[in-house]
Amino acid sequence: MPKFLIQATYTSEGAKGLLREGGAGRRAAVEQVVAGLGGTVEAMYFSFGEDDFVCVLDFPDPVSMAAVSLGVKASGALHTRATPLLTLEEIDEATRRQVDFRPPGA
């Protein structure tokens, strides 16, 4: 299953919700949404600094991740970034593929 790194920052309204529900409540909400599209939560951590939490999610396909991303962003409660994660085997496969690329000016 494709993996995605999610980095998220709460808006002020989202932070108020976190204060009401606590971290366990938010973890349950994330797991419900992800499971609803056939995915799983591998890890979820709260942080401070630029991001308020990060998680690693597995989804059956990128379209499922896009659907979650759109729904979450439409809520206005957080700003998110989703980064596809590749396994070592996938990178090894990518290194074996030929790419015909000419840099600008060459």
N, C-alpha and C. Protein backbone atom coordinates (compact mmCIF):
# COMPACT_ATOMS: atom_id res chain seq x y z
N MET A 1 0.85 -1.18 0.00
CA MET A 1 0.00 0.00 0.00
C MET A 1 0.89 1.24 0.00
N PRO A 2 0.54 2.25 -0.77
CA PRO A 2 1.31 3.49 -0.76
C PRO A 2 1.28 4.15 0.63
N LYS A 3 2.44 4.67 1.02
CA LYS A 3 2.58 5.37 2.31
C LYS A 3 2.69 6.86 2.06
N PHE A 4 2.18 7.62 3.04
CA PHE A 4 2.25 9.08 2.95
C PHE A 4 2.64 9.65 4.31
N LEU A 5 3.55 10.63 4.28
CA LEU A 5 3.90 11.40 5.46
C LEU A 5 2.99 12.62 5.46
N ILE A 6 2.26 12.82 6.55
CA ILE A 6 1.37 13.97 6.69
C ILE A 6 1.97 14.90 7.73
N GLN A 7 2.10 16.16 7.37
CA GLN A 7 2.54 17.19 8.31
C GLN A 7 1.40 18.19 8.38
N ALA A 8 0.97 18.51 9.60
CA ALA A 8 -0.21 19.35 9.74
C ALA A 8 -0.02 20.42 10.80
N THR A 9 -0.69 21.54 10.56
CA THR A 9 -0.70 22.66 11.49
C THR A 9 -2.15 23.05 11.73
N TYR A 10 -2.53 23.15 13.00
CA TYR A 10 -3.90 23.53 13.33
C TYR A 10 -4.11 25.02 13.12
N THR A 11 -5.30 25.38 12.66
CA THR A 11 -5.74 26.77 12.70
C THR A 11 -6.15 27.05 14.15
N SER A 12 -6.50 28.27 14.47
CA SER A 12 -6.91 28.57 15.85
C SER A 12 -8.16 27.76 16.22
N GLU A 13 -9.08 27.59 15.29
CA GLU A 13 -10.27 26.78 15.58
C GLU A 13 -9.91 25.31 15.78
N GLY A 14 -8.99 24.81 14.97
CA GLY A 14 -8.56 23.43 15.13
C GLY A 14 -7.86 23.21 16.46
N ALA A 15 -7.05 24.18 16.89
CA ALA A 15 -6.36 24.08 18.18
C ALA A 15 -7.37 24.06 19.33
N LYS A 16 -8.44 24.84 19.20
CA LYS A 16 -9.49 24.83 20.24
C LYS A 16 -10.14 23.45 20.33
N GLY A 17 -10.36 22.83 19.17
CA GLY A 17 -10.91 21.48 19.15
C GLY A 17 -9.98 20.48 19.80
N LEU A 18 -8.68 20.61 19.54
CA LEU A 18 -7.69 19.72 20.17
C LEU A 18 -7.72 19.89 21.68
N LEU A 19 -7.82 21.11 22.15
CA LEU A 19 -7.87 21.36 23.59
C LEU A 19 -9.11 20.69 24.22
N ARG A 20 -10.23 20.67 23.50
CA ARG A 20 -11.46 20.05 24.01
C ARG A 20 -11.36 18.52 23.99
N GLU A 21 -10.83 17.95 22.88
CA GLU A 21 -10.84 16.50 22.68
C GLU A 21 -9.60 15.79 23.19
N GLY A 22 -8.49 16.49 23.24
CA GLY A 22 -7.23 15.85 23.60
C GLY A 22 -6.65 15.06 22.44
N GLY A 23 -5.42 14.63 22.61
CA GLY A 23 -4.72 13.90 21.56
C GLY A 23 -5.37 12.57 21.22
N ALA A 24 -5.87 11.85 22.24
CA ALA A 24 -6.50 10.55 21.97
C ALA A 24 -7.76 10.71 21.13
N GLY A 25 -8.50 11.78 21.36
CA GLY A 25 -9.69 12.03 20.56
C GLY A 25 -9.36 12.31 19.11
N ARG A 26 -8.29 13.05 18.90
CA ARG A 26 -7.90 13.36 17.52
C ARG A 26 -7.35 12.11 16.83
N ARG A 27 -6.59 11.28 17.56
CA ARG A 27 -6.08 10.04 16.98
C ARG A 27 -7.25 9.17 16.53
N ALA A 28 -8.27 9.05 17.36
CA ALA A 28 -9.44 8.25 17.00
C ALA A 28 -10.12 8.80 15.75
N ALA A 29 -10.21 10.13 15.65
CA ALA A 29 -10.84 10.75 14.47
C ALA A 29 -10.03 10.46 13.21
N VAL A 30 -8.71 10.56 13.31
CA VAL A 30 -7.84 10.28 12.16
C VAL A 30 -7.99 8.81 11.75
N GLU A 31 -7.95 7.91 12.72
CA GLU A 31 -8.08 6.48 12.40
C GLU A 31 -9.41 6.17 11.73
N GLN A 32 -10.48 6.82 12.17
CA GLN A 32 -11.80 6.58 11.58
C GLN A 32 -11.83 7.01 10.12
N VAL A 33 -11.30 8.19 9.84
CA VAL A 33 -11.29 8.70 8.47
C VAL A 33 -10.44 7.82 7.56
N VAL A 34 -9.26 7.48 8.02
CA VAL A 34 -8.33 6.69 7.22
C VAL A 34 -8.90 5.28 6.98
N ALA A 35 -9.42 4.65 8.02
CA ALA A 35 -10.00 3.31 7.87
C ALA A 35 -11.21 3.32 6.95
N GLY A 36 -11.94 4.41 6.94
CA GLY A 36 -13.11 4.53 6.09
C GLY A 36 -12.79 4.44 4.60
N LEU A 37 -11.53 4.70 4.26
CA LEU A 37 -11.10 4.58 2.86
C LEU A 37 -10.12 3.43 2.67
N GLY A 38 -10.13 2.49 3.61
CA GLY A 38 -9.32 1.29 3.46
C GLY A 38 -7.87 1.43 3.88
N GLY A 39 -7.55 2.51 4.60
CA GLY A 39 -6.17 2.74 5.01
C GLY A 39 -5.93 2.44 6.47
N THR A 40 -4.67 2.64 6.89
CA THR A 40 -4.29 2.45 8.28
C THR A 40 -3.35 3.57 8.71
N VAL A 41 -3.35 3.83 10.00
CA VAL A 41 -2.43 4.80 10.59
C VAL A 41 -1.24 4.02 11.12
N GLU A 42 -0.07 4.23 10.54
CA GLU A 42 1.13 3.54 11.02
C GLU A 42 1.69 4.23 12.26
N ALA A 43 1.71 5.55 12.23
CA ALA A 43 2.25 6.31 13.37
C ALA A 43 1.63 7.69 13.37
N MET A 44 1.49 8.26 14.57
CA MET A 44 0.99 9.62 14.71
C MET A 44 1.65 10.24 15.93
N TYR A 45 2.25 11.41 15.73
CA TYR A 45 2.94 12.11 16.80
C TYR A 45 2.53 13.58 16.81
N PHE A 46 2.34 14.11 17.99
CA PHE A 46 2.13 15.55 18.13
C PHE A 46 3.49 16.19 18.30
N SER A 47 3.61 17.41 17.85
CA SER A 47 4.89 18.11 17.91
C SER A 47 4.63 19.58 18.16
N PHE A 48 5.69 20.33 18.27
CA PHE A 48 5.54 21.78 18.33
C PHE A 48 6.64 22.37 17.47
N GLY A 49 6.42 23.59 17.04
CA GLY A 49 7.29 24.20 16.05
C GLY A 49 6.46 24.49 14.82
N GLU A 50 7.01 24.24 13.67
CA GLU A 50 6.29 24.52 12.42
C GLU A 50 5.05 23.63 12.25
N ASP A 51 5.15 22.37 12.66
CA ASP A 51 4.03 21.43 12.54
C ASP A 51 3.48 21.10 13.91
N ASP A 52 2.16 20.89 13.98
CA ASP A 52 1.52 20.50 15.23
C ASP A 52 1.43 18.98 15.37
N PHE A 53 1.38 18.27 14.25
CA PHE A 53 1.48 16.81 14.31
C PHE A 53 1.94 16.27 12.97
N VAL A 54 2.50 15.07 13.05
CA VAL A 54 2.92 14.34 11.86
C VAL A 54 2.38 12.92 11.98
N CYS A 55 2.09 12.32 10.85
CA CYS A 55 1.68 10.92 10.87
C CYS A 55 2.09 10.25 9.57
N VAL A 56 2.17 8.94 9.65
CA VAL A 56 2.44 8.12 8.48
C VAL A 56 1.20 7.27 8.26
N LEU A 57 0.64 7.40 7.05
CA LEU A 57 -0.60 6.71 6.70
C LEU A 57 -0.36 5.77 5.52
N ASP A 58 -1.05 4.65 5.52
CA ASP A 58 -1.07 3.72 4.39
C ASP A 58 -2.45 3.78 3.77
N PHE A 59 -2.49 3.94 2.45
CA PHE A 59 -3.75 3.94 1.73
C PHE A 59 -3.68 2.96 0.57
N PRO A 60 -4.83 2.44 0.13
CA PRO A 60 -4.81 1.50 -0.99
C PRO A 60 -4.35 2.15 -2.30
N ASP A 61 -4.54 3.47 -2.41
CA ASP A 61 -4.17 4.16 -3.64
C ASP A 61 -4.05 5.66 -3.37
N PRO A 62 -3.37 6.40 -4.26
CA PRO A 62 -3.22 7.85 -4.06
C PRO A 62 -4.54 8.61 -4.10
N VAL A 63 -5.53 8.11 -4.80
CA VAL A 63 -6.82 8.80 -4.88
C VAL A 63 -7.48 8.84 -3.50
N SER A 64 -7.35 7.78 -2.72
CA SER A 64 -7.89 7.77 -1.36
C SER A 64 -7.21 8.83 -0.50
N MET A 65 -5.89 8.97 -0.65
CA MET A 65 -5.16 10.00 0.10
C MET A 65 -5.64 11.38 -0.34
N ALA A 66 -5.85 11.57 -1.63
CA ALA A 66 -6.33 12.86 -2.12
C ALA A 66 -7.71 13.19 -1.57
N ALA A 67 -8.57 12.18 -1.48
CA ALA A 67 -9.92 12.40 -0.95
C ALA A 67 -9.86 12.85 0.51
N VAL A 68 -9.02 12.22 1.31
CA VAL A 68 -8.87 12.63 2.71
C VAL A 68 -8.31 14.03 2.79
N SER A 69 -7.29 14.30 1.99
CA SER A 69 -6.66 15.62 2.00
C SER A 69 -7.66 16.72 1.69
N LEU A 70 -8.48 16.51 0.68
CA LEU A 70 -9.48 17.51 0.30
C LEU A 70 -10.50 17.71 1.41
N GLY A 71 -10.97 16.62 2.00
CA GLY A 71 -11.96 16.73 3.06
C GLY A 71 -11.42 17.45 4.29
N VAL A 72 -10.18 17.13 4.65
CA VAL A 72 -9.58 17.76 5.82
C VAL A 72 -9.34 19.24 5.57
N LYS A 73 -8.80 19.57 4.41
CA LYS A 73 -8.53 20.97 4.10
C LYS A 73 -9.82 21.78 4.01
N ALA A 74 -10.87 21.18 3.49
CA ALA A 74 -12.15 21.89 3.37
C ALA A 74 -12.74 22.23 4.73
N SER A 75 -12.34 21.49 5.76
CA SER A 75 -12.87 21.77 7.10
C SER A 75 -12.36 23.11 7.64
N GLY A 76 -11.21 23.55 7.17
CA GLY A 76 -10.62 24.79 7.65
C GLY A 76 -9.96 24.67 9.01
N ALA A 77 -9.92 23.46 9.59
CA ALA A 77 -9.35 23.27 10.93
C ALA A 77 -7.84 23.08 10.91
N LEU A 78 -7.30 22.69 9.77
CA LEU A 78 -5.85 22.52 9.69
C LEU A 78 -5.34 22.74 8.28
N HIS A 79 -4.05 22.98 8.24
CA HIS A 79 -3.30 23.06 6.98
C HIS A 79 -2.41 21.83 6.94
N THR A 80 -2.43 21.11 5.82
CA THR A 80 -1.68 19.87 5.74
C THR A 80 -0.78 19.82 4.51
N ARG A 81 0.24 18.98 4.62
CA ARG A 81 1.10 18.63 3.48
C ARG A 81 1.20 17.12 3.46
N ALA A 82 0.99 16.52 2.32
CA ALA A 82 1.11 15.07 2.16
C ALA A 82 2.29 14.78 1.24
N THR A 83 3.20 13.96 1.72
CA THR A 83 4.39 13.59 0.95
C THR A 83 4.36 12.09 0.71
N PRO A 84 4.35 11.65 -0.55
CA PRO A 84 4.43 10.21 -0.81
C PRO A 84 5.77 9.67 -0.32
N LEU A 85 5.74 8.50 0.30
CA LEU A 85 6.96 7.86 0.80
C LEU A 85 7.24 6.63 -0.06
N LEU A 86 8.50 6.44 -0.41
CA LEU A 86 8.91 5.32 -1.23
C LEU A 86 9.77 4.36 -0.42
N THR A 87 9.60 3.08 -0.67
CA THR A 87 10.43 2.07 0.00
C THR A 87 11.80 2.04 -0.67
N LEU A 88 12.74 1.38 -0.03
CA LEU A 88 14.07 1.20 -0.62
C LEU A 88 13.97 0.45 -1.95
N GLU A 89 13.10 -0.54 -1.99
CA GLU A 89 12.92 -1.32 -3.22
C GLU A 89 12.38 -0.45 -4.36
N GLU A 90 11.46 0.45 -4.02
CA GLU A 90 10.92 1.34 -5.06
C GLU A 90 11.99 2.29 -5.59
N ILE A 91 12.83 2.80 -4.71
CA ILE A 91 13.92 3.66 -5.16
C ILE A 91 14.91 2.88 -6.00
N ASP A 92 15.22 1.64 -5.58
CA ASP A 92 16.13 0.81 -6.39
C ASP A 92 15.55 0.59 -7.78
N GLU A 93 14.24 0.34 -7.86
CA GLU A 93 13.60 0.18 -9.17
C GLU A 93 13.71 1.47 -9.99
N ALA A 94 13.51 2.61 -9.35
CA ALA A 94 13.60 3.90 -10.04
C ALA A 94 15.02 4.14 -10.58
N THR A 95 16.03 3.72 -9.84
CA THR A 95 17.41 3.93 -10.31
C THR A 95 17.73 3.09 -11.53
N ARG A 96 17.00 2.02 -11.75
CA ARG A 96 17.24 1.15 -12.91
C ARG A 96 16.50 1.62 -14.16
N ARG A 97 15.61 2.56 -14.04
CA ARG A 97 14.85 3.03 -15.20
C ARG A 97 15.63 4.13 -15.92
N GLN A 98 15.62 4.06 -17.22
CA GLN A 98 16.30 5.06 -18.04
C GLN A 98 15.42 6.30 -18.17
N VAL A 99 16.03 7.45 -18.02
CA VAL A 99 15.33 8.71 -18.17
C VAL A 99 16.07 9.53 -19.21
N ASP A 100 15.37 9.89 -20.27
CA ASP A 100 15.96 10.69 -21.34
C ASP A 100 15.64 12.15 -21.06
N PHE A 101 16.56 12.83 -20.37
CA PHE A 101 16.34 14.21 -19.95
C PHE A 101 17.50 15.07 -20.42
N ARG A 102 17.17 16.22 -21.01
CA ARG A 102 18.18 17.18 -21.40
C ARG A 102 18.01 18.42 -20.53
N PRO A 103 19.04 18.77 -19.73
CA PRO A 103 18.90 19.96 -18.90
C PRO A 103 18.80 21.23 -19.74
N PRO A 104 18.20 22.28 -19.20
CA PRO A 104 18.09 23.54 -19.94
C PRO A 104 19.48 24.03 -20.36
N GLY A 105 19.56 24.46 -21.60
CA GLY A 105 20.81 25.03 -22.12
C GLY A 105 21.83 24.02 -22.58
N ALA A 106 21.54 22.71 -22.46
CA ALA A 106 22.52 21.71 -22.87
C ALA A 106 22.27 21.25 -24.29
